[in-house]
Every structure is written in C-alpha cells, then in structure tokens.
Amino acid sequence: MLGGRLIGLDRPQAFTVAIELGIKNGT
C-alpha cells in the first residue's frame, strides 16, 4: 500500500500489490 503509492501506483493497484504480498501460498 505505502510503497506502491510512493512510486506512483493508483490506489487499486497499490491495494492489489498489498494483497499479493499479504495473501501467500501457505500450502
């Protein structure tokens, strides 16, 4: 979220990157 916004991503993109980093392939 924060890093994405700092490099100029829009909010939906930053949200998506945050989700990708937070929701991992635990299996």
mmCIF file of all heavy atoms, coordinates in Angstrom:
data_MODEL
# 
_entry.id   MODEL 
# 
loop_
_atom_site.group_PDB 
_atom_site.id 
_atom_site.type_symbol 
_atom_site.label_atom_id 
_atom_site.label_alt_id 
_atom_site.label_comp_id 
_atom_site.label_asym_id 
_atom_site.label_entity_id 
_atom_site.label_seq_id 
_atom_site.pdbx_PDB_ins_code 
_atom_site.Cartn_x 
_atom_site.Cartn_y 
_atom_site.Cartn_z 
_atom_site.occupancy 
_atom_site.B_iso_or_equiv 
_atom_site.pdbx_formal_charge 
_atom_site.auth_seq_id 
_atom_site.auth_comp_id 
_atom_site.auth_asym_id 
_atom_site.auth_atom_id 
_atom_site.pdbx_PDB_model_num 
ATOM 1   N N   . MET A 1 1  ? 0.818  -1.210  0.000   1.00 0.00 ? 1  MET A N   1 
ATOM 2   C CA  . MET A 1 1  ? 0.000  0.000   0.000   1.00 0.00 ? 1  MET A CA  1 
ATOM 3   C C   . MET A 1 1  ? 0.852  1.260   0.000   1.00 0.00 ? 1  MET A C   1 
ATOM 4   O O   . MET A 1 1  ? 0.712  2.116   -0.869  1.00 0.00 ? 1  MET A O   1 
ATOM 5   C CB  . MET A 1 1  ? -0.927 0.003   1.217   1.00 0.00 ? 1  MET A CB  1 
ATOM 6   C CG  . MET A 1 1  ? -2.125 -0.930  1.097   1.00 0.00 ? 1  MET A CG  1 
ATOM 7   S SD  . MET A 1 1  ? -3.215 -0.572  -0.325  1.00 0.00 ? 1  MET A SD  1 
ATOM 8   C CE  . MET A 1 1  ? -3.713 1.112   0.026   1.00 0.00 ? 1  MET A CE  1 
ATOM 9   N N   . LEU A 1 2  ? 1.731  1.390   0.995   1.00 0.00 ? 2  LEU A N   1 
ATOM 10  C CA  . LEU A 1 2  ? 2.521  2.619   1.126   1.00 0.00 ? 2  LEU A CA  1 
ATOM 11  C C   . LEU A 1 2  ? 3.618  2.706   0.060   1.00 0.00 ? 2  LEU A C   1 
ATOM 12  O O   . LEU A 1 2  ? 3.800  3.737   -0.580  1.00 0.00 ? 2  LEU A O   1 
ATOM 13  C CB  . LEU A 1 2  ? 3.132  2.699   2.520   1.00 0.00 ? 2  LEU A CB  1 
ATOM 14  C CG  . LEU A 1 2  ? 2.121  2.681   3.684   1.00 0.00 ? 2  LEU A CG  1 
ATOM 15  C CD1 . LEU A 1 2  ? 2.846  2.759   5.013   1.00 0.00 ? 2  LEU A CD1 1 
ATOM 16  C CD2 . LEU A 1 2  ? 1.118  3.813   3.543   1.00 0.00 ? 2  LEU A CD2 1 
ATOM 17  N N   . GLY A 1 3  ? 4.343  1.597   -0.110  1.00 0.00 ? 3  GLY A N   1 
ATOM 18  C CA  . GLY A 1 3  ? 5.394  1.593   -1.128  1.00 0.00 ? 3  GLY A CA  1 
ATOM 19  C C   . GLY A 1 3  ? 4.826  1.809   -2.518  1.00 0.00 ? 3  GLY A C   1 
ATOM 20  O O   . GLY A 1 3  ? 5.398  2.542   -3.332  1.00 0.00 ? 3  GLY A O   1 
ATOM 21  N N   . GLY A 1 4  ? 3.698  1.167   -2.790  1.00 0.00 ? 4  GLY A N   1 
ATOM 22  C CA  . GLY A 1 4  ? 3.069  1.331   -4.091  1.00 0.00 ? 4  GLY A CA  1 
ATOM 23  C C   . GLY A 1 4  ? 2.663  2.769   -4.361  1.00 0.00 ? 4  GLY A C   1 
ATOM 24  O O   . GLY A 1 4  ? 2.884  3.303   -5.457  1.00 0.00 ? 4  GLY A O   1 
ATOM 25  N N   . ARG A 1 5  ? 2.069  3.403   -3.367  1.00 0.00 ? 5  ARG A N   1 
ATOM 26  C CA  . ARG A 1 5  ? 1.654  4.801   -3.536  1.00 0.00 ? 5  ARG A CA  1 
ATOM 27  C C   . ARG A 1 5  ? 2.862  5.718   -3.706  1.00 0.00 ? 5  ARG A C   1 
ATOM 28  O O   . ARG A 1 5  ? 2.822  6.670   -4.477  1.00 0.00 ? 5  ARG A O   1 
ATOM 29  C CB  . ARG A 1 5  ? 0.814  5.250   -2.335  1.00 0.00 ? 5  ARG A CB  1 
ATOM 30  C CG  . ARG A 1 5  ? -0.523 4.537   -2.207  1.00 0.00 ? 5  ARG A CG  1 
ATOM 31  C CD  . ARG A 1 5  ? -1.447 4.859   -3.351  1.00 0.00 ? 5  ARG A CD  1 
ATOM 32  N NE  . ARG A 1 5  ? -2.016 6.191   -3.221  1.00 0.00 ? 5  ARG A NE  1 
ATOM 33  C CZ  . ARG A 1 5  ? -2.573 6.866   -4.211  1.00 0.00 ? 5  ARG A CZ  1 
ATOM 34  N NH1 . ARG A 1 5  ? -2.591 6.336   -5.433  1.00 0.00 ? 5  ARG A NH1 1 
ATOM 35  N NH2 . ARG A 1 5  ? -3.092 8.069   -4.014  1.00 0.00 ? 5  ARG A NH2 1 
ATOM 36  N N   . LEU A 1 6  ? 3.953  5.402   -2.999  1.00 0.00 ? 6  LEU A N   1 
ATOM 37  C CA  . LEU A 1 6  ? 5.152  6.236   -3.093  1.00 0.00 ? 6  LEU A CA  1 
ATOM 38  C C   . LEU A 1 6  ? 5.764  6.211   -4.491  1.00 0.00 ? 6  LEU A C   1 
ATOM 39  O O   . LEU A 1 6  ? 6.343  7.206   -4.941  1.00 0.00 ? 6  LEU A O   1 
ATOM 40  C CB  . LEU A 1 6  ? 6.191  5.787   -2.062  1.00 0.00 ? 6  LEU A CB  1 
ATOM 41  C CG  . LEU A 1 6  ? 5.922  6.200   -0.613  1.00 0.00 ? 6  LEU A CG  1 
ATOM 42  C CD1 . LEU A 1 6  ? 6.954  5.573   0.316   1.00 0.00 ? 6  LEU A CD1 1 
ATOM 43  C CD2 . LEU A 1 6  ? 5.937  7.733   -0.465  1.00 0.00 ? 6  LEU A CD2 1 
ATOM 44  N N   . ILE A 1 7  ? 5.654  5.087   -5.191  1.00 0.00 ? 7  ILE A N   1 
ATOM 45  C CA  . ILE A 1 7  ? 6.228  5.007   -6.537  1.00 0.00 ? 7  ILE A CA  1 
ATOM 46  C C   . ILE A 1 7  ? 5.219  5.409   -7.609  1.00 0.00 ? 7  ILE A C   1 
ATOM 47  O O   . ILE A 1 7  ? 5.496  5.284   -8.806  1.00 0.00 ? 7  ILE A O   1 
ATOM 48  C CB  . ILE A 1 7  ? 6.778  3.601   -6.839  1.00 0.00 ? 7  ILE A CB  1 
ATOM 49  C CG1 . ILE A 1 7  ? 5.643  2.583   -6.938  1.00 0.00 ? 7  ILE A CG1 1 
ATOM 50  C CG2 . ILE A 1 7  ? 7.804  3.176   -5.822  1.00 0.00 ? 7  ILE A CG2 1 
ATOM 51  C CD1 . ILE A 1 7  ? 6.067  1.271   -7.562  1.00 0.00 ? 7  ILE A CD1 1 
ATOM 52  N N   . GLY A 1 8  ? 4.032  5.851   -7.180  1.00 0.00 ? 8  GLY A N   1 
ATOM 53  C CA  . GLY A 1 8  ? 3.079  6.410   -8.142  1.00 0.00 ? 8  GLY A CA  1 
ATOM 54  C C   . GLY A 1 8  ? 1.974  5.495   -8.600  1.00 0.00 ? 8  GLY A C   1 
ATOM 55  O O   . GLY A 1 8  ? 1.263  5.821   -9.561  1.00 0.00 ? 8  GLY A O   1 
ATOM 56  N N   . LEU A 1 9  ? 1.771  4.349   -7.947  1.00 0.00 ? 9  LEU A N   1 
ATOM 57  C CA  . LEU A 1 9  ? 0.660  3.478   -8.330  1.00 0.00 ? 9  LEU A CA  1 
ATOM 58  C C   . LEU A 1 9  ? -0.654 4.090   -7.863  1.00 0.00 ? 9  LEU A C   1 
ATOM 59  O O   . LEU A 1 9  ? -0.710 4.785   -6.845  1.00 0.00 ? 9  LEU A O   1 
ATOM 60  C CB  . LEU A 1 9  ? 0.816  2.088   -7.700  1.00 0.00 ? 9  LEU A CB  1 
ATOM 61  C CG  . LEU A 1 9  ? 2.108  1.313   -7.995  1.00 0.00 ? 9  LEU A CG  1 
ATOM 62  C CD1 . LEU A 1 9  ? 2.018  -0.099  -7.416  1.00 0.00 ? 9  LEU A CD1 1 
ATOM 63  C CD2 . LEU A 1 9  ? 2.387  1.263   -9.485  1.00 0.00 ? 9  LEU A CD2 1 
ATOM 64  N N   . ASP A 1 10 ? -1.738 3.836   -8.602  1.00 0.00 ? 10 ASP A N   1 
ATOM 65  C CA  . ASP A 1 10 ? -3.030 4.304   -8.130  1.00 0.00 ? 10 ASP A CA  1 
ATOM 66  C C   . ASP A 1 10 ? -3.506 3.395   -6.995  1.00 0.00 ? 10 ASP A C   1 
ATOM 67  O O   . ASP A 1 10 ? -2.900 2.356   -6.719  1.00 0.00 ? 10 ASP A O   1 
ATOM 68  C CB  . ASP A 1 10 ? -4.057 4.383   -9.266  1.00 0.00 ? 10 ASP A CB  1 
ATOM 69  C CG  . ASP A 1 10 ? -4.333 3.026   -9.920  1.00 0.00 ? 10 ASP A CG  1 
ATOM 70  O OD1 . ASP A 1 10 ? -4.275 1.993   -9.214  1.00 0.00 ? 10 ASP A OD1 1 
ATOM 71  O OD2 . ASP A 1 10 ? -4.619 2.997   -11.129 1.00 0.00 ? 10 ASP A OD2 1 
ATOM 72  N N   . ARG A 1 11 ? -4.568 3.796   -6.315  1.00 0.00 ? 11 ARG A N   1 
ATOM 73  C CA  . ARG A 1 11 ? -4.993 3.080   -5.112  1.00 0.00 ? 11 ARG A CA  1 
ATOM 74  C C   . ARG A 1 11 ? -5.410 1.637   -5.389  1.00 0.00 ? 11 ARG A C   1 
ATOM 75  O O   . ARG A 1 11 ? -5.037 0.733   -4.632  1.00 0.00 ? 11 ARG A O   1 
ATOM 76  C CB  . ARG A 1 11 ? -6.112 3.859   -4.420  1.00 0.00 ? 11 ARG A CB  1 
ATOM 77  C CG  . ARG A 1 11 ? -5.605 5.181   -3.827  1.00 0.00 ? 11 ARG A CG  1 
ATOM 78  C CD  . ARG A 1 11 ? -6.714 6.063   -3.316  1.00 0.00 ? 11 ARG A CD  1 
ATOM 79  N NE  . ARG A 1 11 ? -7.351 5.465   -2.149  1.00 0.00 ? 11 ARG A NE  1 
ATOM 80  C CZ  . ARG A 1 11 ? -8.659 5.343   -1.995  1.00 0.00 ? 11 ARG A CZ  1 
ATOM 81  N NH1 . ARG A 1 11 ? -9.479 5.753   -2.942  1.00 0.00 ? 11 ARG A NH1 1 
ATOM 82  N NH2 . ARG A 1 11 ? -9.148 4.829   -0.902  1.00 0.00 ? 11 ARG A NH2 1 
ATOM 83  N N   . PRO A 1 12 ? -6.181 1.350   -6.452  1.00 0.00 ? 12 PRO A N   1 
ATOM 84  C CA  . PRO A 1 12 ? -6.497 -0.057  -6.733  1.00 0.00 ? 12 PRO A CA  1 
ATOM 85  C C   . PRO A 1 12 ? -5.256 -0.908  -6.999  1.00 0.00 ? 12 PRO A C   1 
ATOM 86  O O   . PRO A 1 12 ? -5.190 -2.070  -6.576  1.00 0.00 ? 12 PRO A O   1 
ATOM 87  C CB  . PRO A 1 12 ? -7.405 0.030   -7.968  1.00 0.00 ? 12 PRO A CB  1 
ATOM 88  C CG  . PRO A 1 12 ? -8.028 1.380   -7.887  1.00 0.00 ? 12 PRO A CG  1 
ATOM 89  C CD  . PRO A 1 12 ? -6.939 2.258   -7.337  1.00 0.00 ? 12 PRO A CD  1 
ATOM 90  N N   . GLN A 1 13 ? -4.261 -0.350  -7.692  1.00 0.00 ? 13 GLN A N   1 
ATOM 91  C CA  . GLN A 1 13 ? -3.032 -1.101  -7.959  1.00 0.00 ? 13 GLN A CA  1 
ATOM 92  C C   . GLN A 1 13 ? -2.250 -1.351  -6.673  1.00 0.00 ? 13 GLN A C   1 
ATOM 93  O O   . GLN A 1 13 ? -1.759 -2.465  -6.440  1.00 0.00 ? 13 GLN A O   1 
ATOM 94  C CB  . GLN A 1 13 ? -2.158 -0.345  -8.961  1.00 0.00 ? 13 GLN A CB  1 
ATOM 95  C CG  . GLN A 1 13 ? -2.672 -0.340  -10.383 1.00 0.00 ? 13 GLN A CG  1 
ATOM 96  C CD  . GLN A 1 13 ? -1.789 0.466   -11.304 1.00 0.00 ? 13 GLN A CD  1 
ATOM 97  O OE1 . GLN A 1 13 ? -1.217 1.488   -10.916 1.00 0.00 ? 13 GLN A OE1 1 
ATOM 98  N NE2 . GLN A 1 13 ? -1.651 0.020   -12.549 1.00 0.00 ? 13 GLN A NE2 1 
ATOM 99  N N   . ALA A 1 14 ? -2.108 -0.312  -5.841  1.00 0.00 ? 14 ALA A N   1 
ATOM 100 C CA  . ALA A 1 14 ? -1.385 -0.464  -4.583  1.00 0.00 ? 14 ALA A CA  1 
ATOM 101 C C   . ALA A 1 14 ? -2.094 -1.471  -3.685  1.00 0.00 ? 14 ALA A C   1 
ATOM 102 O O   . ALA A 1 14 ? -1.450 -2.304  -3.023  1.00 0.00 ? 14 ALA A O   1 
ATOM 103 C CB  . ALA A 1 14 ? -1.270 0.888   -3.873  1.00 0.00 ? 14 ALA A CB  1 
ATOM 104 N N   . PHE A 1 15 ? -3.422 -1.420  -3.640  1.00 0.00 ? 15 PHE A N   1 
ATOM 105 C CA  . PHE A 1 15 ? -4.203 -2.388  -2.870  1.00 0.00 ? 15 PHE A CA  1 
ATOM 106 C C   . PHE A 1 15 ? -3.938 -3.804  -3.363  1.00 0.00 ? 15 PHE A C   1 
ATOM 107 O O   . PHE A 1 15 ? -3.746 -4.734  -2.576  1.00 0.00 ? 15 PHE A O   1 
ATOM 108 C CB  . PHE A 1 15 ? -5.695 -2.052  -3.004  1.00 0.00 ? 15 PHE A CB  1 
ATOM 109 C CG  . PHE A 1 15 ? -6.622 -3.101  -2.434  1.00 0.00 ? 15 PHE A CG  1 
ATOM 110 C CD1 . PHE A 1 15 ? -6.884 -3.159  -1.067  1.00 0.00 ? 15 PHE A CD1 1 
ATOM 111 C CD2 . PHE A 1 15 ? -7.229 -4.033  -3.261  1.00 0.00 ? 15 PHE A CD2 1 
ATOM 112 C CE1 . PHE A 1 15 ? -7.732 -4.134  -0.551  1.00 0.00 ? 15 PHE A CE1 1 
ATOM 113 C CE2 . PHE A 1 15 ? -8.068 -5.000  -2.759  1.00 0.00 ? 15 PHE A CE2 1 
ATOM 114 C CZ  . PHE A 1 15 ? -8.323 -5.050  -1.394  1.00 0.00 ? 15 PHE A CZ  1 
ATOM 115 N N   . THR A 1 16 ? -3.903 -3.969  -4.674  1.00 0.00 ? 16 THR A N   1 
ATOM 116 C CA  . THR A 1 16 ? -3.685 -5.296  -5.258  1.00 0.00 ? 16 THR A CA  1 
ATOM 117 C C   . THR A 1 16 ? -2.297 -5.828  -4.927  1.00 0.00 ? 16 THR A C   1 
ATOM 118 O O   . THR A 1 16 ? -2.136 -7.013  -4.581  1.00 0.00 ? 16 THR A O   1 
ATOM 119 C CB  . THR A 1 16 ? -3.876 -5.232  -6.784  1.00 0.00 ? 16 THR A CB  1 
ATOM 120 O OG1 . THR A 1 16 ? -5.196 -4.769  -7.072  1.00 0.00 ? 16 THR A OG1 1 
ATOM 121 C CG2 . THR A 1 16 ? -3.673 -6.604  -7.416  1.00 0.00 ? 16 THR A CG2 1 
ATOM 122 N N   . VAL A 1 17 ? -1.273 -4.976  -5.032  1.00 0.00 ? 17 VAL A N   1 
ATOM 123 C CA  . VAL A 1 17 ? 0.081  -5.411  -4.686  1.00 0.00 ? 17 VAL A CA  1 
ATOM 124 C C   . VAL A 1 17 ? 0.157  -5.793  -3.212  1.00 0.00 ? 17 VAL A C   1 
ATOM 125 O O   . VAL A 1 17 ? 0.787  -6.791  -2.839  1.00 0.00 ? 17 VAL A O   1 
ATOM 126 C CB  . VAL A 1 17 ? 1.107  -4.297  -5.000  1.00 0.00 ? 17 VAL A CB  1 
ATOM 127 C CG1 . VAL A 1 17 ? 2.495  -4.680  -4.480  1.00 0.00 ? 17 VAL A CG1 1 
ATOM 128 C CG2 . VAL A 1 17 ? 1.171  -4.039  -6.503  1.00 0.00 ? 17 VAL A CG2 1 
ATOM 129 N N   . ALA A 1 18 ? -0.515 -5.019  -2.356  1.00 0.00 ? 18 ALA A N   1 
ATOM 130 C CA  . ALA A 1 18 ? -0.547 -5.342  -0.925  1.00 0.00 ? 18 ALA A CA  1 
ATOM 131 C C   . ALA A 1 18 ? -1.177 -6.705  -0.688  1.00 0.00 ? 18 ALA A C   1 
ATOM 132 O O   . ALA A 1 18 ? -0.681 -7.503  0.117   1.00 0.00 ? 18 ALA A O   1 
ATOM 133 C CB  . ALA A 1 18 ? -1.312 -4.262  -0.163  1.00 0.00 ? 18 ALA A CB  1 
ATOM 134 N N   . ILE A 1 19 ? -2.260 -6.981  -1.379  1.00 0.00 ? 19 ILE A N   1 
ATOM 135 C CA  . ILE A 1 19 ? -2.927 -8.278  -1.248  1.00 0.00 ? 19 ILE A CA  1 
ATOM 136 C C   . ILE A 1 19 ? -2.002 -9.401  -1.704  1.00 0.00 ? 19 ILE A C   1 
ATOM 137 O O   . ILE A 1 19 ? -1.914 -10.458 -1.062  1.00 0.00 ? 19 ILE A O   1 
ATOM 138 C CB  . ILE A 1 19 ? -4.238 -8.297  -2.058  1.00 0.00 ? 19 ILE A CB  1 
ATOM 139 C CG1 . ILE A 1 19 ? -5.293 -7.411  -1.378  1.00 0.00 ? 19 ILE A CG1 1 
ATOM 140 C CG2 . ILE A 1 19 ? -4.774 -9.722  -2.209  1.00 0.00 ? 19 ILE A CG2 1 
ATOM 141 C CD1 . ILE A 1 19 ? -5.755 -7.911  -0.031  1.00 0.00 ? 19 ILE A CD1 1 
ATOM 142 N N   . GLU A 1 20 ? -1.295 -9.186  -2.806  1.00 0.00 ? 20 GLU A N   1 
ATOM 143 C CA  . GLU A 1 20 ? -0.380 -10.214 -3.306  1.00 0.00 ? 20 GLU A CA  1 
ATOM 144 C C   . GLU A 1 20 ? 0.738  -10.493 -2.305  1.00 0.00 ? 20 GLU A C   1 
ATOM 145 O O   . GLU A 1 20 ? 1.194  -11.635 -2.163  1.00 0.00 ? 20 GLU A O   1 
ATOM 146 C CB  . GLU A 1 20 ? 0.226  -9.772  -4.645  1.00 0.00 ? 20 GLU A CB  1 
ATOM 147 C CG  . GLU A 1 20 ? -0.715 -9.884  -5.816  1.00 0.00 ? 20 GLU A CG  1 
ATOM 148 C CD  . GLU A 1 20 ? -1.118 -11.309 -6.112  1.00 0.00 ? 20 GLU A CD  1 
ATOM 149 O OE1 . GLU A 1 20 ? -0.246 -12.202 -6.119  1.00 0.00 ? 20 GLU A OE1 1 
ATOM 150 O OE2 . GLU A 1 20 ? -2.319 -11.546 -6.322  1.00 0.00 ? 20 GLU A OE2 1 
ATOM 151 N N   . LEU A 1 21 ? 1.186  -9.453  -1.604  1.00 0.00 ? 21 LEU A N   1 
ATOM 152 C CA  . LEU A 1 21 ? 2.250  -9.639  -0.616  1.00 0.00 ? 21 LEU A CA  1 
ATOM 153 C C   . LEU A 1 21 ? 1.718  -10.240 0.675   1.00 0.00 ? 21 LEU A C   1 
ATOM 154 O O   . LEU A 1 21 ? 2.446  -10.926 1.398   1.00 0.00 ? 21 LEU A O   1 
ATOM 155 C CB  . LEU A 1 21 ? 2.919  -8.289  -0.317  1.00 0.00 ? 21 LEU A CB  1 
ATOM 156 C CG  . LEU A 1 21 ? 3.692  -7.641  -1.464  1.00 0.00 ? 21 LEU A CG  1 
ATOM 157 C CD1 . LEU A 1 21 ? 4.228  -6.282  -1.048  1.00 0.00 ? 21 LEU A CD1 1 
ATOM 158 C CD2 . LEU A 1 21 ? 4.822  -8.534  -1.930  1.00 0.00 ? 21 LEU A CD2 1 
ATOM 159 N N   . GLY A 1 22 ? 0.466  -9.976  0.989   1.00 0.00 ? 22 GLY A N   1 
ATOM 160 C CA  . GLY A 1 22 ? -0.097 -10.449 2.256   1.00 0.00 ? 22 GLY A CA  1 
ATOM 161 C C   . GLY A 1 22 ? -0.724 -11.821 2.191   1.00 0.00 ? 22 GLY A C   1 
ATOM 162 O O   . GLY A 1 22 ? -0.674 -12.587 3.158   1.00 0.00 ? 22 GLY A O   1 
ATOM 163 N N   . ILE A 1 23 ? -1.333 -12.168 1.069   1.00 0.00 ? 23 ILE A N   1 
ATOM 164 C CA  . ILE A 1 23 ? -2.014 -13.464 0.920   1.00 0.00 ? 23 ILE A CA  1 
ATOM 165 C C   . ILE A 1 23 ? -1.095 -14.398 0.156   1.00 0.00 ? 23 ILE A C   1 
ATOM 166 O O   . ILE A 1 23 ? -0.997 -14.337 -1.071  1.00 0.00 ? 23 ILE A O   1 
ATOM 167 C CB  . ILE A 1 23 ? -3.354 -13.303 0.186   1.00 0.00 ? 23 ILE A CB  1 
ATOM 168 C CG1 . ILE A 1 23 ? -4.215 -12.256 0.885   1.00 0.00 ? 23 ILE A CG1 1 
ATOM 169 C CG2 . ILE A 1 23 ? -4.084 -14.637 0.129   1.00 0.00 ? 23 ILE A CG2 1 
ATOM 170 C CD1 . ILE A 1 23 ? -4.625 -12.613 2.295   1.00 0.00 ? 23 ILE A CD1 1 
ATOM 171 N N   . LYS A 1 24 ? -0.420 -15.256 0.880   1.00 0.00 ? 24 LYS A N   1 
ATOM 172 C CA  . LYS A 1 24 ? 0.602  -16.106 0.265   1.00 0.00 ? 24 LYS A CA  1 
ATOM 173 C C   . LYS A 1 24 ? 0.123  -17.536 0.044   1.00 0.00 ? 24 LYS A C   1 
ATOM 174 O O   . LYS A 1 24 ? -0.928 -17.947 0.555   1.00 0.00 ? 24 LYS A O   1 
ATOM 175 C CB  . LYS A 1 24 ? 1.857  -16.119 1.143   1.00 0.00 ? 24 LYS A CB  1 
ATOM 176 C CG  . LYS A 1 24 ? 2.625  -14.823 1.078   1.00 0.00 ? 24 LYS A CG  1 
ATOM 177 C CD  . LYS A 1 24 ? 3.946  -14.943 1.814   1.00 0.00 ? 24 LYS A CD  1 
ATOM 178 C CE  . LYS A 1 24 ? 4.884  -13.841 1.391   1.00 0.00 ? 24 LYS A CE  1 
ATOM 179 N NZ  . LYS A 1 24 ? 5.334  -13.946 -0.002  1.00 0.00 ? 24 LYS A NZ  1 
ATOM 180 N N   . ASN A 1 25 ? 0.898  -18.270 -0.713  1.00 0.00 ? 25 ASN A N   1 
ATOM 181 C CA  . ASN A 1 25 ? 0.602  -19.682 -0.963  1.00 0.00 ? 25 ASN A CA  1 
ATOM 182 C C   . ASN A 1 25 ? 1.091  -20.500 0.230   1.00 0.00 ? 25 ASN A C   1 
ATOM 183 O O   . ASN A 1 25 ? 2.150  -21.117 0.204   1.00 0.00 ? 25 ASN A O   1 
ATOM 184 C CB  . ASN A 1 25 ? 1.285  -20.146 -2.253  1.00 0.00 ? 25 ASN A CB  1 
ATOM 185 C CG  . ASN A 1 25 ? 0.797  -21.506 -2.711  1.00 0.00 ? 25 ASN A CG  1 
ATOM 186 O OD1 . ASN A 1 25 ? 0.261  -22.280 -1.916  1.00 0.00 ? 25 ASN A OD1 1 
ATOM 187 N ND2 . ASN A 1 25 ? 0.972  -21.800 -3.977  1.00 0.00 ? 25 ASN A ND2 1 
ATOM 188 N N   . GLY A 1 26 ? 0.287  -20.473 1.307   1.00 0.00 ? 26 GLY A N   1 
ATOM 189 C CA  . GLY A 1 26 ? 0.663  -21.187 2.526   1.00 0.00 ? 26 GLY A CA  1 
ATOM 190 C C   . GLY A 1 26 ? 0.761  -22.682 2.328   1.00 0.00 ? 26 GLY A C   1 
ATOM 191 O O   . GLY A 1 26 ? 1.555  -23.368 2.988   1.00 0.00 ? 26 GLY A O   1 
ATOM 192 N N   . THR A 1 27 ? -0.046 -23.217 1.411   1.00 0.00 ? 27 THR A N   1 
ATOM 193 C CA  . THR A 1 27 ? 0.010  -24.655 1.125   1.00 0.00 ? 27 THR A CA  1 
ATOM 194 C C   . THR A 1 27 ? 1.377  -25.053 0.600   1.00 0.00 ? 27 THR A C   1 
ATOM 195 O O   . THR A 1 27 ? 1.916  -26.102 0.961   1.00 0.00 ? 27 THR A O   1 
ATOM 196 C CB  . THR A 1 27 ? -1.072 -25.030 0.092   1.00 0.00 ? 27 THR A CB  1 
ATOM 197 O OG1 . THR A 1 27 ? -2.348 -24.622 0.581   1.00 0.00 ? 27 THR A OG1 1 
ATOM 198 C CG2 . THR A 1 27 ? -1.094 -26.538 -0.146  1.00 0.00 ? 27 THR A CG2 1 
# 
